[in-house]
Amino acid sequence: MKFNLLPILTLTFLLSSCHNKDEKFCSCMDKSKEVNELSEKIWQNEGSTKDSLRLKKLIASKNQICEEYASKNGEELMLLRADCN
């Protein structure tokens, strides 16, 4: 009996590629978390002028990274977010 691995390998590849982690979205989530944490620090009057300038740069960076996800609906975003954990 000859055992052919090609169909098994192909199926494994296809199944594993269905749930690929979107690294760019995960970076977007990480950057958003940084923005939120620094914003909270500033709103609690615990931030400095340097923090405010850093926040401005972080927001610009986040907007650039997250731009392609702005048009996605909530359900799509939740699925992407689940893959980042």
Protein backbone atom coordinates (compact mmCIF):
# COMPACT_ATOMS: atom_id res chain seq x y z
CA MET A 1 0.00 0.00 0.00
CA LYS A 2 1.53 3.26 -1.13
CA PHE A 3 0.78 6.26 1.07
CA ASN A 4 0.60 9.61 -0.71
CA LEU A 5 1.44 12.63 1.49
CA LEU A 6 0.60 15.29 -1.08
CA PRO A 7 -3.17 15.42 -0.38
CA ILE A 8 -2.55 15.52 3.38
CA LEU A 9 0.06 18.26 3.09
CA THR A 10 -2.16 20.27 0.76
CA LEU A 11 -5.13 20.01 3.10
CA THR A 12 -2.99 20.96 6.10
CA PHE A 13 -1.64 23.99 4.26
CA LEU A 14 -5.10 25.14 3.21
CA LEU A 15 -6.55 24.78 6.69
CA SER A 16 -3.67 26.60 8.33
CA SER A 17 -3.84 29.46 5.85
CA CYS A 18 -7.51 30.12 6.60
CA HIS A 19 -6.69 31.74 9.93
CA ASN A 20 -3.51 33.63 9.30
CA LYS A 21 -2.74 36.30 11.84
CA ASP A 22 -2.89 39.77 10.29
CA GLU A 23 0.34 41.22 11.68
CA LYS A 24 -0.46 44.72 10.43
CA PHE A 25 -3.80 44.70 12.24
CA CYS A 26 -2.09 43.44 15.40
CA SER A 27 0.37 46.34 15.09
CA CYS A 28 -2.61 48.66 14.72
CA MET A 29 -4.08 47.24 17.93
CA ASP A 30 -0.77 47.63 19.77
CA LYS A 31 -0.39 51.22 18.61
CA SER A 32 -3.99 51.99 19.62
CA LYS A 33 -3.30 50.60 23.08
CA GLU A 34 -0.23 52.86 23.40
CA VAL A 35 -2.30 55.88 22.37
CA ASN A 36 -5.01 55.00 24.90
CA GLU A 37 -2.55 54.51 27.75
CA LEU A 38 -0.72 57.76 27.07
CA SER A 39 -4.03 59.63 26.64
CA GLU A 40 -5.20 58.32 29.99
CA LYS A 41 -1.96 59.45 31.62
CA ILE A 42 -2.37 62.95 30.17
CA TRP A 43 -6.08 63.16 31.12
CA GLN A 44 -5.18 62.23 34.69
CA ASN A 45 -2.82 65.25 34.73
CA GLU A 46 0.15 62.94 35.15
CA GLY A 47 1.65 63.67 31.74
CA SER A 48 4.29 66.16 30.74
CA THR A 49 4.70 68.38 27.71
CA LYS A 50 6.98 65.67 26.33
CA ASP A 51 4.13 63.15 26.71
CA SER A 52 1.78 65.45 24.79
CA LEU A 53 4.24 65.72 21.92
CA ARG A 54 4.75 61.96 21.97
CA LEU A 55 0.98 61.44 21.89
CA LYS A 56 0.68 63.59 18.78
CA LYS A 57 3.29 61.44 17.01
CA LEU A 58 1.69 58.21 18.25
CA ILE A 59 -1.71 59.25 16.92
CA ALA A 60 -0.25 60.05 13.50
CA SER A 61 1.54 56.70 13.45
CA LYS A 62 -1.61 54.85 14.55
CA ASN A 63 -3.70 56.57 11.89
CA GLN A 64 -1.24 55.54 9.21
CA ILE A 65 -1.02 51.91 10.37
CA CYS A 66 -4.77 51.54 10.93
CA GLU A 67 -5.94 53.39 7.81
CA GLU A 68 -6.92 50.30 5.81
CA TYR A 69 -9.09 48.99 8.66
CA ALA A 70 -11.24 52.12 8.98
CA SER A 71 -13.80 50.82 6.47
CA LYS A 72 -14.17 47.35 8.02
CA ASN A 73 -17.28 46.54 10.04
CA GLY A 74 -17.23 45.62 13.71
CA GLU A 75 -17.62 41.89 13.13
CA GLU A 76 -14.61 41.77 10.80
CA LEU A 77 -12.54 43.75 13.28
CA MET A 78 -13.51 41.45 16.16
CA LEU A 79 -12.39 38.41 14.15
CA LEU A 80 -9.08 40.08 13.34
CA ARG A 81 -8.64 41.08 16.96
CA ALA A 82 -9.26 37.53 18.19
CA ASP A 83 -6.38 36.31 16.01
CA CYS A 84 -4.00 38.80 17.65
CA ASN A 85 -4.38 37.32 21.13
